[in-house]
Amino acid sequence: MNNMDSFLDIVIFLAGIYLIYSGIMMKLKGEVSSNFMSRDIDWKHVKEENKKAYIRIMSPANIILGIVMIIMSAIFTFSDRIGLSGTGLSILIAIALLVCIAYSAVLMNYQGKYLKG
């Protein structure tokens, strides 16, 4: 493992922590934070019931993806010790990429459905 792999593993881990944190904060506060993923949303024109529906759907999605990212970072970090290399590691990276793409599609779909105009 080289330094770039270690850096990316840390970034994946921190992204997972952030997703879990944002999912929990959505549930506890009942608000969607105005972060980099939702900066183009005009919050003044979003109906309260739409915001609640979005939170009901996306809060668990954030938590689940956060857990998946933390598990993936652990697998990537310890891949040498668990004997995962070559094709197996490439398949795992492809699956992680597909999960992130699917999450992004769901996120954009529900932002468009509940939070835009």
C-alpha atoms as a PDB file:
ATOM      1  CA  MET A   1       0.000   0.000   0.000  1.00  0.00           C
ATOM      2  CA  ASN A   2       1.339   3.384  -0.885  1.00  0.00           C
ATOM      3  CA  ASN A   3       0.657   6.843   0.502  1.00  0.00           C
ATOM      4  CA  MET A   4      -1.966   7.709  -2.145  1.00  0.00           C
ATOM      5  CA  ASP A   5      -3.954   4.566  -1.321  1.00  0.00           C
ATOM      6  CA  SER A   6      -3.831   5.452   2.372  1.00  0.00           C
ATOM      7  CA  PHE A   7      -4.947   9.013   1.641  1.00  0.00           C
ATOM      8  CA  LEU A   8      -7.902   7.804  -0.462  1.00  0.00           C
ATOM      9  CA  ASP A   9      -8.878   5.281   2.222  1.00  0.00           C
ATOM     10  CA  ILE A  10      -8.977   8.112   4.766  1.00  0.00           C
ATOM     11  CA  VAL A  11     -11.062  10.280   2.401  1.00  0.00           C
ATOM     12  CA  ILE A  12     -13.549   7.423   1.869  1.00  0.00           C
ATOM     13  CA  PHE A  13     -13.739   6.854   5.635  1.00  0.00           C
ATOM     14  CA  LEU A  14     -14.338  10.559   6.355  1.00  0.00           C
ATOM     15  CA  ALA A  15     -16.981  10.754   3.619  1.00  0.00           C
ATOM     16  CA  GLY A  16     -18.760   7.828   5.264  1.00  0.00           C
ATOM     17  CA  ILE A  17     -18.634   9.563   8.650  1.00  0.00           C
ATOM     18  CA  TYR A  18     -20.022  12.758   7.081  1.00  0.00           C
ATOM     19  CA  LEU A  19     -22.902  10.886   5.428  1.00  0.00           C
ATOM     20  CA  ILE A  20     -23.852   9.201   8.693  1.00  0.00           C
ATOM     21  CA  TYR A  21     -23.625  12.534  10.515  1.00  0.00           C
ATOM     22  CA  SER A  22     -25.789  14.325   7.931  1.00  0.00           C
ATOM     23  CA  GLY A  23     -28.373  11.518   7.986  1.00  0.00           C
ATOM     24  CA  ILE A  24     -28.600  11.635  11.776  1.00  0.00           C
ATOM     25  CA  MET A  25     -28.801  15.449  11.797  1.00  0.00           C
ATOM     26  CA  MET A  26     -31.629  15.329   9.237  1.00  0.00           C
ATOM     27  CA  LYS A  27     -33.562  12.962  11.497  1.00  0.00           C
ATOM     28  CA  LEU A  28     -32.863  14.859  14.722  1.00  0.00           C
ATOM     29  CA  LYS A  29     -33.265  18.446  13.521  1.00  0.00           C
ATOM     30  CA  GLY A  30     -35.794  17.826  10.760  1.00  0.00           C
ATOM     31  CA  GLU A  31     -33.813  20.053   8.434  1.00  0.00           C
ATOM     32  CA  VAL A  32     -31.628  19.490   5.426  1.00  0.00           C
ATOM     33  CA  SER A  33     -28.302  21.218   5.776  1.00  0.00           C
ATOM     34  CA  SER A  34     -27.436  23.613   3.010  1.00  0.00           C
ATOM     35  CA  ASN A  35     -24.234  21.902   1.908  1.00  0.00           C
ATOM     36  CA  PHE A  36     -22.411  21.388  -1.362  1.00  0.00           C
ATOM     37  CA  MET A  37     -24.971  18.841  -2.612  1.00  0.00           C
ATOM     38  CA  SER A  38     -27.968  21.145  -2.223  1.00  0.00           C
ATOM     39  CA  ARG A  39     -26.660  24.638  -2.711  1.00  0.00           C
ATOM     40  CA  ASP A  40     -28.836  25.375  -5.759  1.00  0.00           C
ATOM     41  CA  ILE A  41     -32.076  24.739  -3.865  1.00  0.00           C
ATOM     42  CA  ASP A  42     -34.226  27.745  -3.003  1.00  0.00           C
ATOM     43  CA  TRP A  43     -35.196  26.780   0.550  1.00  0.00           C
ATOM     44  CA  LYS A  44     -37.733  29.612   0.851  1.00  0.00           C
ATOM     45  CA  HIS A  45     -39.961  27.945  -1.738  1.00  0.00           C
ATOM     46  CA  VAL A  46     -39.759  24.356  -0.489  1.00  0.00           C
ATOM     47  CA  LYS A  47     -42.954  23.188   1.194  1.00  0.00           C
ATOM     48  CA  GLU A  48     -42.554  21.769   4.677  1.00  0.00           C
ATOM     49  CA  GLU A  49     -44.233  18.454   3.758  1.00  0.00           C
ATOM     50  CA  ASN A  50     -41.831  18.048   0.820  1.00  0.00           C
ATOM     51  CA  LYS A  51     -38.859  18.657   3.089  1.00  0.00           C
ATOM     52  CA  LYS A  52     -40.166  16.051   5.547  1.00  0.00           C
ATOM     53  CA  ALA A  53     -40.711  13.501   2.765  1.00  0.00           C
ATOM     54  CA  TYR A  54     -37.191  14.100   1.482  1.00  0.00           C
ATOM     55  CA  ILE A  55     -35.756  13.639   4.972  1.00  0.00           C
ATOM     56  CA  ARG A  56     -37.791  10.459   5.496  1.00  0.00           C
ATOM     57  CA  ILE A  57     -36.263   8.950   2.352  1.00  0.00           C
ATOM     58  CA  MET A  58     -32.739  10.364   2.300  1.00  0.00           C
ATOM     59  CA  SER A  59     -31.808  10.144   5.970  1.00  0.00           C
ATOM     60  CA  PRO A  60     -31.683   6.316   5.964  1.00  0.00           C
ATOM     61  CA  ALA A  61     -30.010   6.386   2.528  1.00  0.00           C
ATOM     62  CA  ASN A  62     -27.256   8.641   3.888  1.00  0.00           C
ATOM     63  CA  ILE A  63     -26.718   6.435   6.913  1.00  0.00           C
ATOM     64  CA  ILE A  64     -26.633   3.233   4.840  1.00  0.00           C
ATOM     65  CA  LEU A  65     -24.202   4.666   2.290  1.00  0.00           C
ATOM     66  CA  GLY A  66     -22.058   6.040   5.118  1.00  0.00           C
ATOM     67  CA  ILE A  67     -21.829   2.593   6.700  1.00  0.00           C
ATOM     68  CA  VAL A  68     -21.022   1.024   3.325  1.00  0.00           C
ATOM     69  CA  MET A  69     -18.256   3.587   2.747  1.00  0.00           C
ATOM     70  CA  ILE A  70     -16.724   2.951   6.164  1.00  0.00           C
ATOM     71  CA  ILE A  71     -16.764  -0.805   5.526  1.00  0.00           C
ATOM     72  CA  MET A  72     -15.236  -0.301   2.079  1.00  0.00           C
ATOM     73  CA  SER A  73     -12.474   1.915   3.481  1.00  0.00           C
ATOM     74  CA  ALA A  74     -11.689  -0.765   6.071  1.00  0.00           C
ATOM     75  CA  ILE A  75     -11.568  -3.438   3.369  1.00  0.00           C
ATOM     76  CA  PHE A  76      -9.351  -1.278   1.170  1.00  0.00           C
ATOM     77  CA  THR A  77      -7.071  -0.454   4.105  1.00  0.00           C
ATOM     78  CA  PHE A  78      -6.635  -4.075   5.136  1.00  0.00           C
ATOM     79  CA  SER A  79      -6.856  -5.676   1.671  1.00  0.00           C
ATOM     80  CA  ASP A  80      -3.282  -6.970   1.907  1.00  0.00           C
ATOM     81  CA  ARG A  81      -3.936  -8.629   5.252  1.00  0.00           C
ATOM     82  CA  ILE A  82      -7.179 -10.291   4.153  1.00  0.00           C
ATOM     83  CA  GLY A  83      -5.678 -11.503   0.889  1.00  0.00           C
ATOM     84  CA  LEU A  84      -7.724  -9.321  -1.427  1.00  0.00           C
ATOM     85  CA  SER A  85      -5.798  -8.157  -4.467  1.00  0.00           C
ATOM     86  CA  GLY A  86      -5.927  -8.011  -8.233  1.00  0.00           C
ATOM     87  CA  THR A  87      -9.263  -8.963  -9.735  1.00  0.00           C
ATOM     88  CA  GLY A  88     -11.070  -9.242  -6.405  1.00  0.00           C
ATOM     89  CA  LEU A  89     -10.060  -5.747  -5.384  1.00  0.00           C
ATOM     90  CA  SER A  90     -10.965  -4.368  -8.821  1.00  0.00           C
ATOM     91  CA  ILE A  91     -14.426  -5.923  -8.597  1.00  0.00           C
ATOM     92  CA  LEU A  92     -14.915  -4.438  -5.130  1.00  0.00           C
ATOM     93  CA  ILE A  93     -13.881  -0.990  -6.378  1.00  0.00           C
ATOM     94  CA  ALA A  94     -16.310  -1.314  -9.312  1.00  0.00           C
ATOM     95  CA  ILE A  95     -19.130  -2.265  -6.924  1.00  0.00           C
ATOM     96  CA  ALA A  96     -18.304   0.720  -4.700  1.00  0.00           C
ATOM     97  CA  LEU A  97     -18.391   3.005  -7.731  1.00  0.00           C
ATOM     98  CA  LEU A  98     -21.764   1.616  -8.817  1.00  0.00           C
ATOM     99  CA  VAL A  99     -23.179   2.104  -5.308  1.00  0.00           C
ATOM    100  CA  CYS A 100     -22.036   5.745  -5.311  1.00  0.00           C
ATOM    101  CA  ILE A 101     -23.523   6.323  -8.772  1.00  0.00           C
ATOM    102  CA  ALA A 102     -26.820   4.747  -7.681  1.00  0.00           C
ATOM    103  CA  TYR A 103     -26.887   6.928  -4.547  1.00  0.00           C
ATOM    104  CA  SER A 104     -26.211  10.029  -6.648  1.00  0.00           C
ATOM    105  CA  ALA A 105     -29.070   9.130  -9.004  1.00  0.00           C
ATOM    106  CA  VAL A 106     -31.444   8.634  -6.062  1.00  0.00           C
ATOM    107  CA  LEU A 107     -30.274  11.887  -4.472  1.00  0.00           C
ATOM    108  CA  MET A 108     -30.785  13.901  -7.642  1.00  0.00           C
ATOM    109  CA  ASN A 109     -34.168  12.256  -8.284  1.00  0.00           C
ATOM    110  CA  TYR A 110     -35.529  13.061  -4.835  1.00  0.00           C
ATOM    111  CA  GLN A 111     -34.058  16.553  -4.793  1.00  0.00           C
ATOM    112  CA  GLY A 112     -35.830  17.209  -8.074  1.00  0.00           C
ATOM    113  CA  LYS A 113     -39.054  15.634  -6.833  1.00  0.00           C
ATOM    114  CA  TYR A 114     -39.271  17.202  -3.378  1.00  0.00           C
ATOM    115  CA  LEU A 115     -36.963  20.195  -3.120  1.00  0.00           C
ATOM    116  CA  LYS A 116     -37.067  22.017  -6.449  1.00  0.00           C
ATOM    117  CA  GLY A 117     -39.904  24.406  -7.184  1.00  0.00           C
END
